Every structure is written in structure tokens, then in C-alpha cells.
Amino acid sequence: MDWQELTDLTRGEPFVVERVRLAGNGIAVEGQFEPPQLAQLSADDQVFVAAFVRSHGSIKEMERIFGVSYPTIKSRLNRIAESLDFVDTDPAPSGADVVDRLRRGEIDVQEALAELERSR
């Protein structure tokens, strides 16, 4: 069964994967695993995201593929983006990281205090 079949089967309802088997060596892991965010999208949205990636993010190409207008593409992208959690690409450093950098002499006391203040 692939993700699209699973998505159709669950009809958009949240689900938890409880067993994963590694195909190469037959090892199985049991627990409660949340499926990847993209697998939680509807089948139509999964196709849309795949098309967007294949078109290298070209909205003009997406307009051609789906036969819809620029605002329709943008609206759908925005709706999908709202349902996804994004990784913070510039997270605030932890206090321990700042202290370690201070200890190694990479930053001075004033810089350390400023970073700690920003991370609050």
C-alpha cells in the first residue's frame, strides 16, 4: 500500500502508524509514529505539491499543468503551507551553546549576553 492509498482510505482523518518494517533486513519496529506531514495531506494536495516541486516552483508552469489562474495557484499554495509546520532555519542558540562559545573564546561577554537576551 502506498501513501496515496492510505490517504484515500483514511479520508483525511488523522492516523498513527504503529508498525514499521525495514524492507532490506526485515527488522520491524513497533510504537506510535506520526506519518510525514506531506503524507497527511489529501491525495489531491500531494499531487499538487509533487507537481510544484517537479516544475521547480514555477507558478506559470503550474498554471499550465492545472489550467487555472495565478491567484488560484497562490491560494492553494498558501492553504497547503498553513497546514504544514516549518522548521526554524535560524533557531535561537541554547544557553549552553552560548556558554560553550564564550568558554572557547568565540564570542565575548557582551555578545553572549546579547544572544541570551535575544533567545528569551
C-alpha atoms as a PDB file:
ATOM      1  CA  MET A   1       0.000   0.000   0.000  1.00  0.00           C
ATOM      2  CA  ASP A   2       1.394   3.432  -0.871  1.00  0.00           C
ATOM      3  CA  TRP A   3       0.749   6.738   0.911  1.00  0.00           C
ATOM      4  CA  GLN A   4      -1.886   7.821  -1.597  1.00  0.00           C
ATOM      5  CA  GLU A   5      -3.941   4.663  -0.977  1.00  0.00           C
ATOM      6  CA  LEU A   6      -3.566   5.149   2.772  1.00  0.00           C
ATOM      7  CA  THR A   7      -4.636   8.776   2.450  1.00  0.00           C
ATOM      8  CA  ASP A   8      -7.708   7.733   0.453  1.00  0.00           C
ATOM      9  CA  LEU A   9      -8.523   5.010   2.989  1.00  0.00           C
ATOM     10  CA  THR A  10      -8.337   7.382   5.967  1.00  0.00           C
ATOM     11  CA  ARG A  11     -10.358  10.089   4.160  1.00  0.00           C
ATOM     12  CA  GLY A  12      -8.312  12.865   5.684  1.00  0.00           C
ATOM     13  CA  GLU A  13      -8.758  11.665   9.265  1.00  0.00           C
ATOM     14  CA  PRO A  14      -5.624  11.724  11.440  1.00  0.00           C
ATOM     15  CA  PHE A  15      -3.915   8.359  11.809  1.00  0.00           C
ATOM     16  CA  VAL A  16      -0.954   6.817  13.600  1.00  0.00           C
ATOM     17  CA  VAL A  17       1.399   4.203  12.167  1.00  0.00           C
ATOM     18  CA  GLU A  18       2.073   1.516  14.764  1.00  0.00           C
ATOM     19  CA  ARG A  19       4.450  -0.824  12.949  1.00  0.00           C
ATOM     20  CA  VAL A  20       7.283  -0.146  10.515  1.00  0.00           C
ATOM     21  CA  ARG A  21       9.207  -2.920   8.771  1.00  0.00           C
ATOM     22  CA  LEU A  22      12.574  -2.164   7.152  1.00  0.00           C
ATOM     23  CA  ALA A  23      12.415  -3.803   3.710  1.00  0.00           C
ATOM     24  CA  GLY A  24      16.135  -4.534   3.421  1.00  0.00           C
ATOM     25  CA  ASN A  25      16.592  -6.623   6.541  1.00  0.00           C
ATOM     26  CA  GLY A  26      13.104  -7.445   7.803  1.00  0.00           C
ATOM     27  CA  ILE A  27      13.532  -5.634  11.111  1.00  0.00           C
ATOM     28  CA  ALA A  28      10.202  -4.379  12.464  1.00  0.00           C
ATOM     29  CA  VAL A  29       9.760  -1.517  14.885  1.00  0.00           C
ATOM     30  CA  GLU A  30       6.546  -1.078  16.837  1.00  0.00           C
ATOM     31  CA  GLY A  31       5.355   2.080  18.530  1.00  0.00           C
ATOM     32  CA  GLN A  32       3.271   5.087  17.609  1.00  0.00           C
ATOM     33  CA  PHE A  33       4.686   7.064  14.691  1.00  0.00           C
ATOM     34  CA  GLU A  34       3.124  10.088  13.112  1.00  0.00           C
ATOM     35  CA  PRO A  35       3.281   9.919   9.321  1.00  0.00           C
ATOM     36  CA  PRO A  36       5.284  12.611   7.500  1.00  0.00           C
ATOM     37  CA  GLN A  37       3.433  15.901   7.072  1.00  0.00           C
ATOM     38  CA  LEU A  38       3.192  15.559   3.313  1.00  0.00           C
ATOM     39  CA  ALA A  39       1.608  12.116   3.716  1.00  0.00           C
ATOM     40  CA  GLN A  40      -1.074  13.728   5.868  1.00  0.00           C
ATOM     41  CA  LEU A  41      -2.181  15.988   3.006  1.00  0.00           C
ATOM     42  CA  SER A  42      -5.114  14.935   0.850  1.00  0.00           C
ATOM     43  CA  ALA A  43      -4.202  12.893  -2.230  1.00  0.00           C
ATOM     44  CA  ASP A  44      -5.013  15.913  -4.443  1.00  0.00           C
ATOM     45  CA  ASP A  45      -2.740  18.170  -2.391  1.00  0.00           C
ATOM     46  CA  GLN A  46       0.049  15.563  -2.526  1.00  0.00           C
ATOM     47  CA  VAL A  47      -0.206  15.551  -6.334  1.00  0.00           C
ATOM     48  CA  PHE A  48      -0.209  19.361  -6.338  1.00  0.00           C
ATOM     49  CA  VAL A  49       2.937  19.556  -4.161  1.00  0.00           C
ATOM     50  CA  ALA A  50       4.714  16.957  -6.313  1.00  0.00           C
ATOM     51  CA  ALA A  51       3.839  18.939  -9.451  1.00  0.00           C
ATOM     52  CA  PHE A  52       5.098  22.132  -7.808  1.00  0.00           C
ATOM     53  CA  VAL A  53       8.426  20.501  -6.966  1.00  0.00           C
ATOM     54  CA  ARG A  54       8.734  18.971 -10.460  1.00  0.00           C
ATOM     55  CA  SER A  55       8.078  22.382 -12.017  1.00  0.00           C
ATOM     56  CA  HIS A  56      10.872  23.848  -9.839  1.00  0.00           C
ATOM     57  CA  GLY A  57       8.359  26.139  -8.154  1.00  0.00           C
ATOM     58  CA  SER A  58       7.237  27.774 -11.389  1.00  0.00           C
ATOM     59  CA  ILE A  59       3.758  29.144 -10.851  1.00  0.00           C
ATOM     60  CA  LYS A  60       3.488  29.787 -14.592  1.00  0.00           C
ATOM     61  CA  GLU A  61       4.121  26.068 -15.213  1.00  0.00           C
ATOM     62  CA  MET A  62       1.581  25.172 -12.514  1.00  0.00           C
ATOM     63  CA  GLU A  63      -0.995  27.391 -14.268  1.00  0.00           C
ATOM     64  CA  ARG A  64      -0.345  25.439 -17.474  1.00  0.00           C
ATOM     65  CA  ILE A  65      -0.463  21.996 -15.820  1.00  0.00           C
ATOM     66  CA  PHE A  66      -3.661  22.578 -13.850  1.00  0.00           C
ATOM     67  CA  GLY A  67      -5.343  25.022 -16.228  1.00  0.00           C
ATOM     68  CA  VAL A  68      -6.028  27.579 -13.509  1.00  0.00           C
ATOM     69  CA  SER A  69      -5.036  31.178 -12.804  1.00  0.00           C
ATOM     70  CA  TYR A  70      -2.115  32.580 -10.818  1.00  0.00           C
ATOM     71  CA  PRO A  71      -4.348  33.586  -7.862  1.00  0.00           C
ATOM     72  CA  THR A  72      -5.785  30.053  -7.723  1.00  0.00           C
ATOM     73  CA  ILE A  73      -2.293  28.522  -7.574  1.00  0.00           C
ATOM     74  CA  LYS A  74      -1.168  31.030  -4.915  1.00  0.00           C
ATOM     75  CA  SER A  75      -4.303  30.435  -2.861  1.00  0.00           C
ATOM     76  CA  ARG A  76      -3.789  26.679  -2.896  1.00  0.00           C
ATOM     77  CA  LEU A  77      -0.101  27.005  -2.016  1.00  0.00           C
ATOM     78  CA  ASN A  78      -0.996  29.276   0.899  1.00  0.00           C
ATOM     79  CA  ARG A  79      -3.673  26.855   2.130  1.00  0.00           C
ATOM     80  CA  ILE A  80      -1.243  23.915   1.983  1.00  0.00           C
ATOM     81  CA  ALA A  81       1.536  25.944   3.641  1.00  0.00           C
ATOM     82  CA  GLU A  82      -0.777  26.799   6.545  1.00  0.00           C
ATOM     83  CA  SER A  83      -1.273  23.101   7.243  1.00  0.00           C
ATOM     84  CA  LEU A  84       2.488  22.372   7.416  1.00  0.00           C
ATOM     85  CA  ASP A  85       4.880  23.005  10.292  1.00  0.00           C
ATOM     86  CA  PHE A  86       8.081  24.609   9.108  1.00  0.00           C
ATOM     87  CA  VAL A  87      11.494  24.047  10.618  1.00  0.00           C
ATOM     88  CA  ASP A  88      13.072  27.161  12.072  1.00  0.00           C
ATOM     89  CA  THR A  89      16.181  27.576   9.921  1.00  0.00           C
ATOM     90  CA  ASP A  90      17.717  30.092  12.308  1.00  0.00           C
ATOM     91  CA  PRO A  91      16.847  28.859  15.797  1.00  0.00           C
ATOM     92  CA  ALA A  92      17.960  30.827  18.825  1.00  0.00           C
ATOM     93  CA  PRO A  93      21.034  29.260  20.411  1.00  0.00           C
ATOM     94  CA  SER A  94      20.521  27.477  23.722  1.00  0.00           C
ATOM     95  CA  GLY A  95      22.080  28.920  26.850  1.00  0.00           C
ATOM     96  CA  ALA A  96      24.534  26.023  26.941  1.00  0.00           C
ATOM     97  CA  ASP A  97      25.615  26.745  23.338  1.00  0.00           C
ATOM     98  CA  VAL A  98      26.242  30.391  24.168  1.00  0.00           C
ATOM     99  CA  VAL A  99      28.248  29.499  27.280  1.00  0.00           C
ATOM    100  CA  ASP A 100      30.301  26.958  25.305  1.00  0.00           C
ATOM    101  CA  ARG A 101      31.107  29.537  22.622  1.00  0.00           C
ATOM    102  CA  LEU A 102      32.036  32.057  25.329  1.00  0.00           C
ATOM    103  CA  ARG A 103      34.273  29.472  27.030  1.00  0.00           C
ATOM    104  CA  ARG A 104      36.042  28.733  23.715  1.00  0.00           C
ATOM    105  CA  GLY A 105      36.624  32.454  23.152  1.00  0.00           C
ATOM    106  CA  GLU A 106      34.462  32.597  20.009  1.00  0.00           C
ATOM    107  CA  ILE A 107      32.380  35.440  21.480  1.00  0.00           C
ATOM    108  CA  ASP A 108      32.934  37.938  24.269  1.00  0.00           C
ATOM    109  CA  VAL A 109      30.757  38.509  27.336  1.00  0.00           C
ATOM    110  CA  GLN A 110      28.735  41.310  25.712  1.00  0.00           C
ATOM    111  CA  GLU A 111      27.925  39.141  22.670  1.00  0.00           C
ATOM    112  CA  ALA A 112      26.958  36.254  24.934  1.00  0.00           C
ATOM    113  CA  LEU A 113      24.609  38.460  26.948  1.00  0.00           C
ATOM    114  CA  ALA A 114      23.061  39.853  23.781  1.00  0.00           C
ATOM    115  CA  GLU A 115      22.450  36.343  22.370  1.00  0.00           C
ATOM    116  CA  LEU A 116      20.935  35.165  25.630  1.00  0.00           C
ATOM    117  CA  GLU A 117      18.649  38.201  25.696  1.00  0.00           C
ATOM    118  CA  ARG A 118      17.512  37.577  22.068  1.00  0.00           C
ATOM    119  CA  SER A 119      16.683  33.953  22.842  1.00  0.00           C
ATOM    120  CA  ARG A 120      14.170  34.889  25.559  1.00  0.00           C
END
